[in-house]
Amino acid sequence: MKATIWHNPACGTSRKTLAILEETPGVAVTVVEYLKHPPSAEKLAQLYRDAGMTPQQGLRLRGTDAEERGLPAAGTAQVLAAMAADSRLLERPLVETEKGVRLCRPQDKVHEIL
């Protein structure tokens, strides 16, 4: 099985999720450091759709200026554009496999798609 993780190495939850993926037999992991290689608005829209959540639910509030910018109440297109322009606004980690996408907070949510 292939798994892609949108990863922040400075985040403990992201590191723990990556460890679960790496320790699971048969999982080939692709790591995307999203702060260096931000996903497009289109890719984000697909990820959140496949995760069954809105982009607003994937918005990182802690440590960002999302609330000051009014993003929690903004429309989907505005949130996706803001996330694509400033990937610090993404809550992490997102993991995609052939079984779906999960925002892995807590990290054990990754088991739902393995």
PDB file of N, CA and C in Angstrom:
ATOM      1  N   MET A   1       0.843  -1.179   0.000  1.00  0.00           N
ATOM      2  CA  MET A   1       0.000   0.000   0.000  1.00  0.00           C
ATOM      3  C   MET A   1       0.888   1.243   0.000  1.00  0.00           C
ATOM      4  N   LYS A   2       0.454   2.243  -0.759  1.00  0.00           N
ATOM      5  CA  LYS A   2       1.162   3.520  -0.783  1.00  0.00           C
ATOM      6  C   LYS A   2       0.475   4.481   0.173  1.00  0.00           C
ATOM      7  N   ALA A   3       1.281   5.277   0.870  1.00  0.00           N
ATOM      8  CA  ALA A   3       0.753   6.305   1.769  1.00  0.00           C
ATOM      9  C   ALA A   3       1.562   7.580   1.565  1.00  0.00           C
ATOM     10  N   THR A   4       0.866   8.693   1.491  1.00  0.00           N
ATOM     11  CA  THR A   4       1.522   9.997   1.413  1.00  0.00           C
ATOM     12  C   THR A   4       1.150  10.769   2.663  1.00  0.00           C
ATOM     13  N   ILE A   5       2.175  11.311   3.326  1.00  0.00           N
ATOM     14  CA  ILE A   5       1.949  12.125   4.514  1.00  0.00           C
ATOM     15  C   ILE A   5       2.426  13.541   4.230  1.00  0.00           C
ATOM     16  N   TRP A   6       1.551  14.504   4.505  1.00  0.00           N
ATOM     17  CA  TRP A   6       1.926  15.916   4.467  1.00  0.00           C
ATOM     18  C   TRP A   6       2.422  16.217   5.872  1.00  0.00           C
ATOM     19  N   HIS A   7       3.723  16.364   5.988  1.00  0.00           N
ATOM     20  CA  HIS A   7       4.456  16.248   7.242  1.00  0.00           C
ATOM     21  C   HIS A   7       5.170  17.539   7.618  1.00  0.00           C
ATOM     22  N   ASN A   8       5.180  17.795   8.929  1.00  0.00           N
ATOM     23  CA  ASN A   8       5.998  18.868   9.507  1.00  0.00           C
ATOM     24  C   ASN A   8       6.912  18.197  10.523  1.00  0.00           C
ATOM     25  N   PRO A   9       8.223  18.105  10.245  1.00  0.00           N
ATOM     26  CA  PRO A   9       9.128  17.411  11.155  1.00  0.00           C
ATOM     27  C   PRO A   9       9.232  18.057  12.537  1.00  0.00           C
ATOM     28  N   ALA A  10       8.793  19.297  12.684  1.00  0.00           N
ATOM     29  CA  ALA A  10       8.836  19.968  13.982  1.00  0.00           C
ATOM     30  C   ALA A  10       7.625  19.624  14.852  1.00  0.00           C
ATOM     31  N   CYS A  11       6.656  18.894  14.292  1.00  0.00           N
ATOM     32  CA  CYS A  11       5.410  18.574  14.997  1.00  0.00           C
ATOM     33  C   CYS A  11       5.475  17.154  15.550  1.00  0.00           C
ATOM     34  N   GLY A  12       5.278  17.007  16.852  1.00  0.00           N
ATOM     35  CA  GLY A  12       5.311  15.703  17.498  1.00  0.00           C
ATOM     36  C   GLY A  12       4.258  14.753  16.960  1.00  0.00           C
ATOM     37  N   THR A  13       3.047  15.223  16.750  1.00  0.00           N
ATOM     38  CA  THR A  13       1.984  14.367  16.229  1.00  0.00           C
ATOM     39  C   THR A  13       2.325  13.896  14.816  1.00  0.00           C
ATOM     40  N   SER A  14       2.888  14.785  14.032  1.00  0.00           N
ATOM     41  CA  SER A  14       3.283  14.414  12.676  1.00  0.00           C
ATOM     42  C   SER A  14       4.406  13.377  12.700  1.00  0.00           C
ATOM     43  N   ARG A  15       5.376  13.551  13.577  1.00  0.00           N
ATOM     44  CA  ARG A  15       6.465  12.574  13.707  1.00  0.00           C
ATOM     45  C   ARG A  15       5.931  11.217  14.162  1.00  0.00           C
ATOM     46  N   LYS A  16       5.002  11.206  15.110  1.00  0.00           N
ATOM     47  CA  LYS A  16       4.429   9.945  15.597  1.00  0.00           C
ATOM     48  C   LYS A  16       3.625   9.251  14.496  1.00  0.00           C
ATOM     49  N   THR A  17       2.894  10.022  13.704  1.00  0.00           N
ATOM     50  CA  THR A  17       2.125   9.446  12.599  1.00  0.00           C
ATOM     51  C   THR A  17       3.063   8.849  11.564  1.00  0.00           C
ATOM     52  N   LEU A  18       4.131   9.562  11.235  1.00  0.00           N
ATOM     53  CA  LEU A  18       5.113   9.046  10.291  1.00  0.00           C
ATOM     54  C   LEU A  18       5.726   7.754  10.816  1.00  0.00           C
ATOM     55  N   ALA A  19       6.017   7.690  12.097  1.00  0.00           N
ATOM     56  CA  ALA A  19       6.585   6.468  12.687  1.00  0.00           C
ATOM     57  C   ALA A  19       5.623   5.288  12.534  1.00  0.00           C
ATOM     58  N   ILE A  20       4.327   5.521  12.746  1.00  0.00           N
ATOM     59  CA  ILE A  20       3.337   4.456  12.563  1.00  0.00           C
ATOM     60  C   ILE A  20       3.370   3.958  11.120  1.00  0.00           C
ATOM     61  N   LEU A  21       3.404   4.881  10.180  1.00  0.00           N
ATOM     62  CA  LEU A  21       3.435   4.501   8.771  1.00  0.00           C
ATOM     63  C   LEU A  21       4.689   3.691   8.447  1.00  0.00           C
ATOM     64  N   GLU A  22       5.830   4.154   8.929  1.00  0.00           N
ATOM     65  CA  GLU A  22       7.096   3.481   8.632  1.00  0.00           C
ATOM     66  C   GLU A  22       7.184   2.110   9.290  1.00  0.00           C
ATOM     67  N   GLU A  23       6.505   1.926  10.408  1.00  0.00           N
ATOM     68  CA  GLU A  23       6.556   0.657  11.137  1.00  0.00           C
ATOM     69  C   GLU A  23       5.500  -0.346  10.675  1.00  0.00           C
ATOM     70  N   THR A  24       4.594   0.085   9.799  1.00  0.00           N
ATOM     71  CA  THR A  24       3.530  -0.797   9.321  1.00  0.00           C
ATOM     72  C   THR A  24       4.030  -1.579   8.112  1.00  0.00           C
ATOM     73  N   PRO A  25       4.066  -2.903   8.217  1.00  0.00           N
ATOM     74  CA  PRO A  25       4.546  -3.721   7.102  1.00  0.00           C
ATOM     75  C   PRO A  25       3.717  -3.487   5.836  1.00  0.00           C
ATOM     76  N   GLY A  26       4.406  -3.412   4.702  1.00  0.00           N
ATOM     77  CA  GLY A  26       3.732  -3.287   3.417  1.00  0.00           C
ATOM     78  C   GLY A  26       3.328  -1.879   3.031  1.00  0.00           C
ATOM     79  N   VAL A  27       3.707  -0.886   3.825  1.00  0.00           N
ATOM     80  CA  VAL A  27       3.349   0.501   3.513  1.00  0.00           C
ATOM     81  C   VAL A  27       4.579   1.210   2.937  1.00  0.00           C
ATOM     82  N   ALA A  28       4.429   1.711   1.719  1.00  0.00           N
ATOM     83  CA  ALA A  28       5.466   2.522   1.078  1.00  0.00           C
ATOM     84  C   ALA A  28       5.101   3.982   1.299  1.00  0.00           C
ATOM     85  N   VAL A  29       5.929   4.692   2.046  1.00  0.00           N
ATOM     86  CA  VAL A  29       5.594   6.048   2.480  1.00  0.00           C
ATOM     87  C   VAL A  29       6.290   7.098   1.612  1.00  0.00           C
ATOM     88  N   THR A  30       5.506   8.059   1.169  1.00  0.00           N
ATOM     89  CA  THR A  30       6.035   9.261   0.536  1.00  0.00           C
ATOM     90  C   THR A  30       5.830  10.398   1.530  1.00  0.00           C
ATOM     91  N   VAL A  31       6.911  11.088   1.858  1.00  0.00           N
ATOM     92  CA  VAL A  31       6.847  12.190   2.813  1.00  0.00           C
ATOM     93  C   VAL A  31       6.930  13.506   2.045  1.00  0.00           C
ATOM     94  N   VAL A  32       5.928  14.361   2.247  1.00  0.00           N
ATOM     95  CA  VAL A  32       5.922  15.684   1.652  1.00  0.00           C
ATOM     96  C   VAL A  32       6.016  16.691   2.802  1.00  0.00           C
ATOM     97  N   GLU A  33       7.132  17.382   2.875  1.00  0.00           N
ATOM     98  CA  GLU A  33       7.257  18.438   3.881  1.00  0.00           C
ATOM     99  C   GLU A  33       6.514  19.649   3.327  1.00  0.00           C
ATOM    100  N   TYR A  34       5.272  19.799   3.760  1.00  0.00           N
ATOM    101  CA  TYR A  34       4.370  20.769   3.144  1.00  0.00           C
ATOM    102  C   TYR A  34       4.798  22.217   3.360  1.00  0.00           C
ATOM    103  N   LEU A  35       5.639  22.494   4.355  1.00  0.00           N
ATOM    104  CA  LEU A  35       6.126  23.865   4.520  1.00  0.00           C
ATOM    105  C   LEU A  35       7.130  24.216   3.419  1.00  0.00           C
ATOM    106  N   LYS A  36       7.824  23.208   2.890  1.00  0.00           N
ATOM    107  CA  LYS A  36       8.773  23.412   1.789  1.00  0.00           C
ATOM    108  C   LYS A  36       8.116  23.220   0.431  1.00  0.00           C
ATOM    109  N   HIS A  37       7.119  22.333   0.369  1.00  0.00           N
ATOM    110  CA  HIS A  37       6.444  21.983  -0.884  1.00  0.00           C
ATOM    111  C   HIS A  37       4.931  22.038  -0.660  1.00  0.00           C
ATOM    112  N   PRO A  38       4.375  23.246  -0.605  1.00  0.00           N
ATOM    113  CA  PRO A  38       2.940  23.374  -0.287  1.00  0.00           C
ATOM    114  C   PRO A  38       2.045  22.767  -1.374  1.00  0.00           C
ATOM    115  N   PRO A  39       0.974  22.099  -0.944  1.00  0.00           N
ATOM    116  CA  PRO A  39       0.007  21.588  -1.920  1.00  0.00           C
ATOM    117  C   PRO A  39      -0.784  22.740  -2.532  1.00  0.00           C
ATOM    118  N   SER A  40      -1.263  22.498  -3.733  1.00  0.00           N
ATOM    119  CA  SER A  40      -2.097  23.500  -4.407  1.00  0.00           C
ATOM    120  C   SER A  40      -3.474  23.557  -3.756  1.00  0.00           C
ATOM    121  N   ALA A  41      -4.201  24.605  -4.063  1.00  0.00           N
ATOM    122  CA  ALA A  41      -5.579  24.722  -3.569  1.00  0.00           C
ATOM    123  C   ALA A  41      -6.415  23.549  -4.087  1.00  0.00           C
ATOM    124  N   GLU A  42      -6.159  23.122  -5.328  1.00  0.00           N
ATOM    125  CA  GLU A  42      -6.903  22.003  -5.909  1.00  0.00           C
ATOM    126  C   GLU A  42      -6.600  20.706  -5.161  1.00  0.00           C
ATOM    127  N   LYS A  43      -5.329  20.460  -4.846  1.00  0.00           N
ATOM    128  CA  LYS A  43      -4.962  19.251  -4.110  1.00  0.00           C
ATOM    129  C   LYS A  43      -5.574  19.287  -2.714  1.00  0.00           C
ATOM    130  N   LEU A  44      -5.531  20.433  -2.060  1.00  0.00           N
ATOM    131  CA  LEU A  44      -6.129  20.562  -0.730  1.00  0.00           C
ATOM    132  C   LEU A  44      -7.627  20.290  -0.779  1.00  0.00           C
ATOM    133  N   ALA A  45      -8.300  20.831  -1.790  1.00  0.00           N
ATOM    134  CA  ALA A  45      -9.746  20.602  -1.923  1.00  0.00           C
ATOM    135  C   ALA A  45     -10.026  19.107  -2.038  1.00  0.00           C
ATOM    136  N   GLN A  46      -9.213  18.391  -2.827  1.00  0.00           N
ATOM    137  CA  GLN A  46      -9.381  16.945  -2.985  1.00  0.00           C
ATOM    138  C   GLN A  46      -9.120  16.212  -1.672  1.00  0.00           C
ATOM    139  N   LEU A  47      -8.055  16.595  -0.977  1.00  0.00           N
ATOM    140  CA  LEU A  47      -7.724  15.930   0.288  1.00  0.00           C
ATOM    141  C   LEU A  47      -8.848  16.096   1.304  1.00  0.00           C
ATOM    142  N   TYR A  48      -9.339  17.314   1.471  1.00  0.00           N
ATOM    143  CA  TYR A  48     -10.401  17.544   2.462  1.00  0.00           C
ATOM    144  C   TYR A  48     -11.697  16.867   2.046  1.00  0.00           C
ATOM    145  N   ARG A  49     -11.997  16.875   0.756  1.00  0.00           N
ATOM    146  CA  ARG A  49     -13.199  16.188   0.266  1.00  0.00           C
ATOM    147  C   ARG A  49     -13.091  14.689   0.576  1.00  0.00           C
ATOM    148  N   ASP A  50     -11.928  14.102   0.270  1.00  0.00           N
ATOM    149  CA  ASP A  50     -11.739  12.670   0.510  1.00  0.00           C
ATOM    150  C   ASP A  50     -11.702  12.330   1.996  1.00  0.00           C
ATOM    151  N   ALA A  51     -11.350  13.304   2.825  1.00  0.00           N
ATOM    152  CA  ALA A  51     -11.343  13.093   4.277  1.00  0.00           C
ATOM    153  C   ALA A  51     -12.726  13.302   4.883  1.00  0.00           C
ATOM    154  N   GLY A  52     -13.666  13.816   4.073  1.00  0.00           N
ATOM    155  CA  GLY A  52     -15.015  14.069   4.583  1.00  0.00           C
ATOM    156  C   GLY A  52     -15.080  15.261   5.513  1.00  0.00           C
ATOM    157  N   MET A  53     -14.242  16.249   5.242  1.00  0.00           N
ATOM    158  CA  MET A  53     -14.216  17.437   6.094  1.00  0.00           C
ATOM    159  C   MET A  53     -14.108  18.692   5.225  1.00  0.00           C
ATOM    160  N   THR A  54     -14.382  19.814   5.823  1.00  0.00           N
ATOM    161  CA  THR A  54     -14.263  21.081   5.110  1.00  0.00           C
ATOM    162  C   THR A  54     -12.850  21.632   5.292  1.00  0.00           C
ATOM    163  N   PRO A  55     -12.432  22.484   4.371  1.00  0.00           N
ATOM    164  CA  PRO A  55     -11.140  23.133   4.567  1.00  0.00           C
ATOM    165  C   PRO A  55     -11.088  23.929   5.884  1.00  0.00           C
ATOM    166  N   GLN A  56     -12.215  24.489   6.281  1.00  0.00           N
ATOM    167  CA  GLN A  56     -12.255  25.225   7.542  1.00  0.00           C
ATOM    168  C   GLN A  56     -11.910  24.308   8.717  1.00  0.00           C
ATOM    169  N   GLN A  57     -12.328  23.044   8.649  1.00  0.00           N
ATOM    170  CA  GLN A  57     -12.014  22.091   9.710  1.00  0.00           C
ATOM    171  C   GLN A  57     -10.540  21.698   9.695  1.00  0.00           C
ATOM    172  N   GLY A  58      -9.867  21.898   8.568  1.00  0.00           N
ATOM    173  CA  GLY A  58      -8.444  21.591   8.451  1.00  0.00           C
ATOM    174  C   GLY A  58      -7.553  22.784   8.664  1.00  0.00           C
ATOM    175  N   LEU A  59      -8.144  23.883   9.093  1.00  0.00           N
ATOM    176  CA  LEU A  59      -7.411  25.133   9.299  1.00  0.00           C
ATOM    177  C   LEU A  59      -6.704  25.122  10.648  1.00  0.00           C
ATOM    178  N   ARG A  60      -5.415  25.405  10.629  1.00  0.00           N
ATOM    179  CA  ARG A  60      -4.651  25.472  11.875  1.00  0.00           C
ATOM    180  C   ARG A  60      -4.831  26.859  12.473  1.00  0.00           C
ATOM    181  N   LEU A  61      -5.330  26.904  13.691  1.00  0.00           N
ATOM    182  CA  LEU A  61      -5.547  28.174  14.376  1.00  0.00           C
ATOM    183  C   LEU A  61      -4.384  28.512  15.296  1.00  0.00           C
ATOM    184  N   ARG A  62      -3.895  27.489  16.013  1.00  0.00           N
ATOM    185  CA  ARG A  62      -2.822  27.732  16.979  1.00  0.00           C
ATOM    186  C   ARG A  62      -1.527  28.091  16.251  1.00  0.00           C
ATOM    187  N   GLY A  63      -0.921  29.196  16.672  1.00  0.00           N
ATOM    188  CA  GLY A  63       0.348  29.605  16.096  1.00  0.00           C
ATOM    189  C   GLY A  63       0.246  30.259  14.729  1.00  0.00           C
ATOM    190  N   THR A  64      -0.975  30.598  14.312  1.00  0.00           N
ATOM    191  CA  THR A  64      -1.158  31.265  13.020  1.00  0.00           C
ATOM    192  C   THR A  64      -2.007  32.519  13.216  1.00  0.00           C
ATOM    193  N   ASP A  65      -2.138  33.282  12.145  1.00  0.00           N
ATOM    194  CA  ASP A  65      -2.988  34.472  12.182  1.00  0.00           C
ATOM    195  C   ASP A  65      -4.344  34.214  11.520  1.00  0.00           C
ATOM    196  N   ALA A  66      -4.755  32.943  11.467  1.00  0.00           N
ATOM    197  CA  ALA A  66      -5.995  32.572  10.777  1.00  0.00           C
ATOM    198  C   ALA A  66      -7.209  33.297  11.348  1.00  0.00           C
ATOM    199  N   GLU A  67      -7.287  33.362  12.680  1.00  0.00           N
ATOM    200  CA  GLU A  67      -8.453  34.027  13.288  1.00  0.00           C
ATOM    201  C   GLU A  67      -8.449  35.521  13.003  1.00  0.00           C
ATOM    202  N   GLU A  68      -7.288  36.151  13.101  1.00  0.00           N
ATOM    203  CA  GLU A  68      -7.204  37.589  12.821  1.00  0.00           C
ATOM    204  C   GLU A  68      -7.586  37.894  11.377  1.00  0.00           C
ATOM    205  N   ARG A  69      -7.332  36.964  10.496  1.00  0.00           N
ATOM    206  CA  ARG A  69      -7.668  37.135   9.086  1.00  0.00           C
ATOM    207  C   ARG A  69      -9.110  36.753   8.782  1.00  0.00           C
ATOM    208  N   GLY A  70      -9.837  36.263   9.776  1.00  0.00           N
ATOM    209  CA  GLY A  70     -11.240  35.893   9.582  1.00  0.00           C
ATOM    210  C   GLY A  70     -11.427  34.602   8.809  1.00  0.00           C
ATOM    211  N   LEU A  71     -10.405  33.770   8.740  1.00  0.00           N
ATOM    212  CA  LEU A  71     -10.493  32.562   7.930  1.00  0.00           C
ATOM    213  C   LEU A  71     -11.462  31.506   8.456  1.00  0.00           C
ATOM    214  N   PRO A  72     -11.646  31.346   9.775  1.00  0.00           N
ATOM    215  CA  PRO A  72     -12.606  30.330  10.222  1.00  0.00           C
ATOM    216  C   PRO A  72     -14.029  30.564   9.695  1.00  0.00           C
ATOM    217  N   ALA A  73     -14.373  31.805   9.430  1.00  0.00           N
ATOM    218  CA  ALA A  73     -15.711  32.131   8.934  1.00  0.00           C
ATOM    219  C   ALA A  73     -15.717  32.411   7.431  1.00  0.00           C
ATOM    220  N   ALA A  74     -14.569  32.298   6.780  1.00  0.00           N
ATOM    221  CA  ALA A  74     -14.465  32.616   5.357  1.00  0.00           C
ATOM    222  C   ALA A  74     -15.011  31.477   4.513  1.00  0.00           C
ATOM    223  N   GLY A  75     -15.225  31.774   3.259  1.00  0.00           N
ATOM    224  CA  GLY A  75     -15.696  30.765   2.320  1.00  0.00           C
ATOM    225  C   GLY A  75     -14.601  29.775   1.959  1.00  0.00           C
ATOM    226  N   THR A  76     -15.026  28.666   1.401  1.00  0.00           N
ATOM    227  CA  THR A  76     -14.105  27.586   1.066  1.00  0.00           C
ATOM    228  C   THR A  76     -12.992  28.042   0.136  1.00  0.00           C
ATOM    229  N   ALA A  77     -13.321  28.731  -0.923  1.00  0.00           N
ATOM    230  CA  ALA A  77     -12.305  29.166  -1.894  1.00  0.00           C
ATOM    231  C   ALA A  77     -11.274  30.074  -1.236  1.00  0.00           C
ATOM    232  N   GLN A  78     -11.720  30.968  -0.361  1.00  0.00           N
ATOM    233  CA  GLN A  78     -10.794  31.877   0.318  1.00  0.00           C
ATOM    234  C   GLN A  78      -9.870  31.106   1.260  1.00  0.00           C
ATOM    235  N   VAL A  79     -10.414  30.133   1.975  1.00  0.00           N
ATOM    236  CA  VAL A  79      -9.599  29.327   2.899  1.00  0.00           C
ATOM    237  C   VAL A  79      -8.575  28.512   2.124  1.00  0.00           C
ATOM    238  N   LEU A  80      -8.997  27.870   1.051  1.00  0.00           N
ATOM    239  CA  LEU A  80      -8.077  27.074   0.249  1.00  0.00           C
ATOM    240  C   LEU A  80      -6.974  27.938  -0.355  1.00  0.00           C
ATOM    241  N   ALA A  81      -7.330  29.118  -0.836  1.00  0.00           N
ATOM    242  CA  ALA A  81      -6.324  30.023  -1.403  1.00  0.00           C
ATOM    243  C   ALA A  81      -5.323  30.463  -0.335  1.00  0.00           C
ATOM    244  N   ALA A  82      -5.828  30.765   0.864  1.00  0.00           N
ATOM    245  CA  ALA A  82      -4.944  31.173   1.953  1.00  0.00           C
ATOM    246  C   ALA A  82      -4.003  30.050   2.352  1.00  0.00           C
ATOM    247  N   MET A  83      -4.537  28.815   2.416  1.00  0.00           N
ATOM    248  CA  MET A  83      -3.703  27.658   2.768  1.00  0.00           C
ATOM    249  C   MET A  83      -2.631  27.401   1.709  1.00  0.00           C
ATOM    250  N   ALA A  84      -3.006  27.517   0.445  1.00  0.00           N
ATOM    251  CA  ALA A  84      -2.050  27.282  -0.640  1.00  0.00           C
ATOM    252  C   ALA A  84      -0.951  28.348  -0.627  1.00  0.00           C
ATOM    253  N   ALA A  85      -1.317  29.582  -0.252  1.00  0.00           N
ATOM    254  CA  ALA A  85      -0.340  30.672  -0.208  1.00  0.00           C
ATOM    255  C   ALA A  85       0.530  30.627   1.042  1.00  0.00           C
ATOM    256  N   ASP A  86      -0.012  30.092   2.141  1.00  0.00           N
ATOM    257  CA  ASP A  86       0.718  30.030   3.417  1.00  0.00           C
ATOM    258  C   ASP A  86       0.428  28.687   4.071  1.00  0.00           C
ATOM    259  N   SER A  87       1.286  27.714   3.805  1.00  0.00           N
ATOM    260  CA  SER A  87       1.016  26.349   4.251  1.00  0.00           C
ATOM    261  C   SER A  87       1.110  26.178   5.766  1.00  0.00           C
ATOM    262  N   ARG A  88       1.543  27.202   6.495  1.00  0.00           N
ATOM    263  CA  ARG A  88       1.503  27.124   7.960  1.00  0.00           C
ATOM    264  C   ARG A  88       0.062  27.046   8.457  1.00  0.00           C
ATOM    265  N   LEU A  89      -0.898  27.376   7.590  1.00  0.00           N
ATOM    266  CA  LEU A  89      -2.314  27.360   7.961  1.00  0.00           C
ATOM    267  C   LEU A  89      -2.929  25.964   7.929  1.00  0.00           C
ATOM    268  N   LEU A  90      -2.176  24.962   7.463  1.00  0.00           N
ATOM    269  CA  LEU A  90      -2.685  23.586   7.413  1.00  0.00           C
ATOM    270  C   LEU A  90      -2.498  22.899   8.751  1.00  0.00           C
ATOM    271  N   GLU A  91      -3.582  22.320   9.260  1.00  0.00           N
ATOM    272  CA  GLU A  91      -3.449  21.447  10.436  1.00  0.00           C
ATOM    273  C   GLU A  91      -2.811  20.167   9.936  1.00  0.00           C
ATOM    274  N   ARG A  92      -1.971  19.586  10.750  1.00  0.00           N
ATOM    275  CA  ARG A  92      -1.213  18.421  10.311  1.00  0.00           C
ATOM    276  C   ARG A  92      -1.265  17.308  11.324  1.00  0.00           C
ATOM    277  N   PRO A  93      -0.898  16.125  10.815  1.00  0.00           N
ATOM    278  CA  PRO A  93      -0.555  15.736   9.448  1.00  0.00           C
ATOM    279  C   PRO A  93      -1.759  15.187   8.690  1.00  0.00           C
ATOM    280  N   LEU A  94      -1.762  15.399   7.414  1.00  0.00           N
ATOM    281  CA  LEU A  94      -2.729  14.760   6.527  1.00  0.00           C
ATOM    282  C   LEU A  94      -2.065  13.527   5.929  1.00  0.00           C
ATOM    283  N   VAL A  95      -2.794  12.419   5.879  1.00  0.00           N
ATOM    284  CA  VAL A  95      -2.284  11.181   5.285  1.00  0.00           C
ATOM    285  C   VAL A  95      -3.301  10.691   4.269  1.00  0.00           C
ATOM    286  N   GLU A  96      -2.786  10.305   3.087  1.00  0.00           N
ATOM    287  CA  GLU A  96      -3.627   9.789   2.010  1.00  0.00           C
ATOM    288  C   GLU A  96      -3.159   8.388   1.639  1.00  0.00           C
ATOM    289  N   THR A  97      -4.097   7.456   1.591  1.00  0.00           N
ATOM    290  CA  THR A  97      -3.841   6.111   1.074  1.00  0.00           C
ATOM    291  C   THR A  97      -4.973   5.774   0.106  1.00  0.00           C
ATOM    292  N   GLU A  98      -4.917   4.584  -0.473  1.00  0.00           N
ATOM    293  CA  GLU A  98      -5.988   4.161  -1.373  1.00  0.00           C
ATOM    294  C   GLU A  98      -7.312   3.991  -0.632  1.00  0.00           C
ATOM    295  N   LYS A  99      -7.262   3.919   0.699  1.00  0.00           N
ATOM    296  CA  LYS A  99      -8.482   3.764   1.508  1.00  0.00           C
ATOM    297  C   LYS A  99      -9.083   5.092   1.940  1.00  0.00           C
ATOM    298  N   GLY A 100      -8.408   6.200   1.656  1.00  0.00           N
ATOM    299  CA  GLY A 100      -8.948   7.501   2.010  1.00  0.00           C
ATOM    300  C   GLY A 100      -7.902   8.450   2.555  1.00  0.00           C
ATOM    301  N   VAL A 101      -8.397   9.520   3.139  1.00  0.00           N
ATOM    302  CA  VAL A 101      -7.552  10.585   3.705  1.00  0.00           C
ATOM    303  C   VAL A 101      -8.004  10.829   5.130  1.00  0.00           C
ATOM    304  N   ARG A 102      -7.049  11.069   6.007  1.00  0.00           N
ATOM    305  CA  ARG A 102      -7.355  11.438   7.385  1.00  0.00           C
ATOM    306  C   ARG A 102      -6.439  12.557   7.840  1.00  0.00           C
ATOM    307  N   LEU A 103      -7.016  13.469   8.621  1.00  0.00           N
ATOM    308  CA  LEU A 103      -6.231  14.411   9.414  1.00  0.00           C
ATOM    309  C   LEU A 103      -5.918  13.643  10.689  1.00  0.00           C
ATOM    310  N   CYS A 104      -4.679  13.290  10.868  1.00  0.00           N
ATOM    311  CA  CYS A 104      -4.296  12.331  11.917  1.00  0.00           C
ATOM    312  C   CYS A 104      -3.987  13.019  13.238  1.00  0.00           C
ATOM    313  N   ARG A 105      -5.009  13.581  13.822  1.00  0.00           N
ATOM    314  CA  ARG A 105      -4.951  14.167  15.161  1.00  0.00           C
ATOM    315  C   ARG A 105      -6.078  13.541  15.945  1.00  0.00           C
ATOM    316  N   PRO A 106      -5.813  12.602  16.814  1.00  0.00           N
ATOM    317  CA  PRO A 106      -4.512  12.086  17.214  1.00  0.00           C
ATOM    318  C   PRO A 106      -3.937  11.157  16.152  1.00  0.00           C
ATOM    319  N   GLN A 107      -2.680  10.821  16.328  1.00  0.00           N
ATOM    320  CA  GLN A 107      -1.949  10.037  15.317  1.00  0.00           C
ATOM    321  C   GLN A 107      -2.571   8.677  15.047  1.00  0.00           C
ATOM    322  N   ASP A 108      -3.277   8.102  15.998  1.00  0.00           N
ATOM    323  CA  ASP A 108      -3.879   6.780  15.820  1.00  0.00           C
ATOM    324  C   ASP A 108      -4.963   6.765  14.739  1.00  0.00           C
ATOM    325  N   LYS A 109      -5.459   7.939  14.325  1.00  0.00           N
ATOM    326  CA  LYS A 109      -6.474   7.981  13.258  1.00  0.00           C
ATOM    327  C   LYS A 109      -5.935   7.416  11.953  1.00  0.00           C
ATOM    328  N   VAL A 110      -4.601   7.369  11.821  1.00  0.00           N
ATOM    329  CA  VAL A 110      -4.017   6.845  10.586  1.00  0.00           C
ATOM    330  C   VAL A 110      -4.400   5.369  10.388  1.00  0.00           C
ATOM    331  N   HIS A 111      -4.645   4.645  11.457  1.00  0.00           N
ATOM    332  CA  HIS A 111      -5.009   3.228  11.349  1.00  0.00           C
ATOM    333  C   HIS A 111      -6.316   3.030  10.578  1.00  0.00           C
ATOM    334  N   GLU A 112      -7.173   4.052  10.537  1.00  0.00           N
ATOM    335  CA  GLU A 112      -8.454   3.950   9.825  1.00  0.00           C
ATOM    336  C   GLU A 112      -8.264   3.776   8.320  1.00  0.00           C
ATOM    337  N   ILE A 113      -7.112   4.184   7.800  1.00  0.00           N
ATOM    338  CA  ILE A 113      -6.892   4.129   6.349  1.00  0.00           C
ATOM    339  C   ILE A 113      -5.718   3.225   5.974  1.00  0.00           C
ATOM    340  N   LEU A 114      -5.310   2.382   6.889  1.00  0.00           N
ATOM    341  CA  LEU A 114      -4.239   1.421   6.595  1.00  0.00           C
ATOM    342  C   LEU A 114      -4.813   0.029   6.372  1.00  0.00           C
TER     343      LEU A 114
END
